Amino acid sequence: MSQQQIYEEAGFGRPVPRGTRPAIVVVDFSYGFTDTNYPTASDAAEQMARTKDICDAARAKGFPVVFTTIAYHPGEVETLAWLKKAAGMAALIEGTRLVEINPATGIRPTDAVVTKKGASSFFGSTLAAILTGARVDTVVVTGATTSGCVRATVVDAVQSGFGVLVPHDCCADRAQAPHDANLYDMGQKYADVTDSADILSWLATLPATI
């Protein structure tokens, strides 16, 4: 039996129902994750360009665009368990360039920016409140890294009651193998893995909220 047959027989990989009030959640496309002068980063130029297209299309319809960034107060660094395992994240200090959103994403002053302390954009943040307040039913997740913060955000999004779509060409990682493996797993269990062209086509069919 093939891998795909195993998942199909287990009932995984069903399509995600798409609503009419989406939000775009752009995970950690900060300089710390996109400027390869920093060891925590990967080359995400193409992924940011495609994300910008999606964000522009969503804003034009009045749908919310939310950016997330990891930023620590210096006093937290020695106390957080994750930073003992992922020590490179300790460089992401509040007020430094590393935690600023890369302008290549097309971020605008009207976009919400959520600061987080861990992998998931939902954990300990205002993201769920922002999405609920905007009556969002479907979340499009882009960003970095696919195997880390994107995946954690996707899992928490579906557990929070949202349909989740992940355009694979809008997600970046430091290595291809974890990128591919996590996209496959997300596509089987938590989200529809698609591409930016599909998201743009879908957004074009939705009624505007403005």
Protein backbone atom coordinates (compact mmCIF):
# COMPACT_ATOMS: atom_id res chain seq x y z
CA MET A 1 0.00 0.00 0.00
CA SER A 2 1.36 3.42 -0.95
CA GLN A 3 1.82 6.29 1.46
CA GLN A 4 -1.05 8.16 -0.16
CA GLN A 5 -3.35 5.15 0.14
CA ILE A 6 -2.49 4.80 3.83
CA TYR A 7 -3.50 8.41 4.49
CA GLU A 8 -6.64 8.16 2.35
CA GLU A 9 -7.83 5.02 4.12
CA ALA A 10 -7.24 6.73 7.47
CA GLY A 11 -9.53 9.55 6.38
CA PHE A 12 -6.91 12.27 6.01
CA GLY A 13 -6.48 14.83 3.25
CA ARG A 14 -10.09 15.93 2.89
CA PRO A 15 -10.62 19.37 1.32
CA VAL A 16 -11.05 22.41 3.54
CA PRO A 17 -14.37 24.26 3.16
CA ARG A 18 -13.64 27.85 2.14
CA GLY A 19 -15.62 30.66 3.67
CA THR A 20 -16.26 34.20 2.48
CA ARG A 21 -14.38 36.23 5.11
CA PRO A 22 -10.69 35.34 4.89
CA ALA A 23 -7.68 36.87 6.60
CA ILE A 24 -4.05 36.67 5.58
CA VAL A 25 -1.64 35.81 8.39
CA VAL A 26 1.98 36.46 7.44
CA VAL A 27 4.21 34.62 9.88
CA ASP A 28 7.62 36.03 10.80
CA PHE A 29 8.72 37.56 7.53
CA SER A 30 10.96 39.77 9.65
CA TYR A 31 14.57 40.60 8.82
CA GLY A 32 15.70 37.93 11.29
CA PHE A 33 14.08 35.27 9.10
CA THR A 34 14.54 36.80 5.64
CA ASP A 35 17.90 38.62 5.62
CA THR A 36 20.55 35.98 5.05
CA ASN A 37 23.14 38.12 6.81
CA TYR A 38 21.58 36.62 9.93
CA PRO A 39 22.10 32.91 10.72
CA THR A 40 18.42 32.44 11.61
CA ALA A 41 17.29 33.52 8.12
CA SER A 42 16.61 31.89 4.77
CA ASP A 43 16.27 33.39 1.30
CA ALA A 44 12.57 34.26 1.10
CA ALA A 45 12.57 36.90 -1.66
CA GLU A 46 10.24 35.01 -4.00
CA GLN A 47 7.95 33.92 -1.19
CA MET A 48 7.64 37.49 0.08
CA ALA A 49 6.84 38.77 -3.42
CA ARG A 50 4.01 36.25 -3.81
CA THR A 51 2.79 37.00 -0.30
CA LYS A 52 2.67 40.70 -1.20
CA ASP A 53 0.40 39.93 -4.15
CA ILE A 54 -1.99 38.04 -1.89
CA CYS A 55 -1.97 40.75 0.78
CA ASP A 56 -2.66 43.44 -1.83
CA ALA A 57 -5.60 41.48 -3.21
CA ALA A 58 -7.02 40.86 0.27
CA ARG A 59 -6.77 44.52 1.30
CA ALA A 60 -8.51 45.57 -1.92
CA LYS A 61 -11.53 43.53 -0.78
CA GLY A 62 -11.39 44.81 2.80
CA PHE A 63 -10.07 41.58 4.31
CA PRO A 64 -7.63 41.79 7.23
CA VAL A 65 -3.90 41.29 6.81
CA VAL A 66 -1.99 40.41 9.97
CA PHE A 67 1.79 40.17 10.33
CA THR A 68 3.55 38.39 13.18
CA THR A 69 7.03 38.77 14.59
CA ILE A 70 8.98 37.11 17.40
CA ALA A 71 10.47 39.67 19.77
CA TYR A 72 11.90 39.16 23.25
CA HIS A 73 12.60 41.52 26.08
CA PRO A 74 16.22 40.99 27.23
CA GLY A 75 14.95 39.89 30.63
CA GLU A 76 13.05 36.95 29.10
CA VAL A 77 15.93 35.34 27.27
CA GLU A 78 17.37 33.35 30.15
CA THR A 79 13.99 32.11 31.38
CA LEU A 80 12.20 30.73 28.32
CA ALA A 81 12.57 27.00 27.68
CA TRP A 82 12.33 27.32 23.89
CA LEU A 83 15.41 29.52 23.80
CA LYS A 84 17.45 26.80 25.47
CA LYS A 85 16.59 24.44 22.62
CA ALA A 86 16.52 27.01 19.79
CA ALA A 87 19.27 29.31 21.06
CA GLY A 88 19.52 31.26 17.81
CA MET A 89 16.11 32.80 18.49
CA ALA A 90 17.55 34.64 21.49
CA ALA A 91 18.95 37.27 19.12
CA LEU A 92 15.40 38.45 18.30
CA ILE A 93 15.33 41.28 20.81
CA GLU A 94 12.70 44.01 20.95
CA GLY A 95 13.74 47.18 19.16
CA THR A 96 16.37 45.54 16.94
CA ARG A 97 16.30 45.31 13.15
CA LEU A 98 15.90 41.54 13.31
CA VAL A 99 12.31 41.77 14.56
CA GLU A 100 11.15 44.39 12.03
CA ILE A 101 8.89 43.15 9.23
CA ASN A 102 10.71 43.12 5.90
CA PRO A 103 9.17 45.83 3.69
CA ALA A 104 9.43 43.48 0.70
CA THR A 105 6.20 41.97 2.04
CA GLY A 106 4.40 45.21 1.22
CA ILE A 107 3.34 45.71 4.84
CA ARG A 108 1.26 48.85 5.37
CA PRO A 109 0.67 50.99 8.46
CA THR A 110 -2.94 49.80 8.58
CA ASP A 111 -1.93 46.13 8.92
CA ALA A 112 -2.01 44.61 12.38
CA VAL A 113 1.32 43.39 13.76
CA VAL A 114 1.21 40.70 16.45
CA THR A 115 4.26 40.12 18.65
CA LYS A 116 4.77 36.58 19.87
CA LYS A 117 7.19 34.70 22.08
CA GLY A 118 6.91 31.20 20.65
CA ALA A 119 6.31 29.31 17.43
CA SER A 120 2.54 29.63 17.09
CA SER A 121 1.16 33.02 16.16
CA PHE A 122 -1.82 32.26 18.40
CA PHE A 123 -0.01 31.32 21.61
CA GLY A 124 -0.07 34.16 24.14
CA SER A 125 -1.00 36.74 21.49
CA THR A 126 -3.97 38.82 20.35
CA LEU A 127 -4.28 37.03 17.00
CA ALA A 128 -7.40 35.00 17.83
CA ALA A 129 -9.15 38.11 19.12
CA ILE A 130 -8.26 40.07 15.97
CA LEU A 131 -9.59 37.33 13.69
CA THR A 132 -12.73 36.76 15.72
CA GLY A 133 -13.45 40.48 15.89
CA ALA A 134 -13.21 40.66 12.09
CA ARG A 135 -15.58 37.66 11.77
CA VAL A 136 -12.95 35.71 9.85
CA ASP A 137 -13.85 32.16 8.82
CA THR A 138 -10.81 31.17 6.73
CA VAL A 139 -7.13 31.89 7.35
CA VAL A 140 -4.45 31.96 4.65
CA VAL A 141 -1.08 31.34 6.31
CA THR A 142 2.20 32.36 4.69
CA GLY A 143 5.67 33.05 6.08
CA ALA A 144 8.65 31.40 7.72
CA THR A 145 9.64 28.92 8.62
CA THR A 146 7.43 26.24 7.08
CA SER A 147 8.52 23.55 9.53
CA GLY A 148 8.43 25.80 12.58
CA CYS A 149 6.27 28.86 13.09
CA VAL A 150 4.12 28.36 9.99
CA ARG A 151 3.23 24.82 10.97
CA ALA A 152 2.57 25.76 14.60
CA THR A 153 0.32 28.61 13.47
CA VAL A 154 -1.57 26.35 11.06
CA VAL A 155 -2.21 23.74 13.77
CA ASP A 156 -3.48 26.35 16.23
CA ALA A 157 -5.58 28.04 13.54
CA VAL A 158 -7.55 24.90 12.74
CA GLN A 159 -7.83 24.08 16.44
CA SER A 160 -9.28 27.57 16.92
CA GLY A 161 -12.05 26.82 14.44
CA PHE A 162 -10.75 28.39 11.23
CA GLY A 163 -10.46 26.77 7.83
CA VAL A 164 -6.79 27.00 6.83
CA LEU A 165 -5.14 27.43 3.44
CA VAL A 166 -1.37 27.34 2.92
CA PRO A 167 0.08 28.55 -0.40
CA HIS A 168 3.31 26.56 -0.59
CA ASP A 169 5.05 29.14 -2.76
CA CYS A 170 4.56 31.75 -0.02
CA CYS A 171 6.35 29.73 2.67
CA ALA A 172 10.11 29.59 3.26
CA ASP A 173 12.41 27.32 5.24
CA ARG A 174 16.10 26.86 5.81
CA ALA A 175 16.21 23.47 4.09
CA GLN A 176 14.08 21.76 1.45
CA ALA A 177 13.47 18.46 3.25
CA PRO A 178 11.68 19.89 6.32
CA HIS A 179 9.81 22.32 4.07
CA ASP A 180 8.46 19.50 1.90
CA ALA A 181 7.73 17.11 4.76
CA ASN A 182 5.79 19.66 6.78
CA LEU A 183 3.78 20.86 3.80
CA TYR A 184 2.78 17.26 3.13
CA ASP A 185 1.79 16.67 6.75
CA MET A 186 -0.15 19.93 7.01
CA GLY A 187 -1.95 19.05 3.80
CA GLN A 188 -3.03 15.70 5.16
CA LYS A 189 -4.14 16.80 8.63
CA TYR A 190 -4.67 20.53 9.10
CA ALA A 191 -4.95 22.61 5.92
CA ASP A 192 -5.29 22.69 2.18
CA VAL A 193 -1.82 23.21 0.72
CA THR A 194 -2.22 25.15 -2.49
CA ASP A 195 -0.40 27.97 -4.29
CA SER A 196 -0.60 31.75 -4.62
CA ALA A 197 -2.36 31.62 -8.00
CA ASP A 198 -5.19 29.61 -6.50
CA ILE A 199 -5.51 31.97 -3.52
CA LEU A 200 -5.61 35.01 -5.82
CA SER A 201 -8.28 33.40 -8.00
CA TRP A 202 -10.37 32.54 -4.94
CA LEU A 203 -10.06 36.02 -3.44
CA ALA A 204 -11.25 37.51 -6.74
CA THR A 205 -14.54 35.59 -6.43
CA LEU A 206 -15.37 36.90 -2.95
CA PRO A 207 -17.61 39.89 -2.23
CA ALA A 208 -15.78 42.87 -0.79
CA THR A 209 -16.43 43.97 2.78
CA ILE A 210 -15.69 47.65 2.04
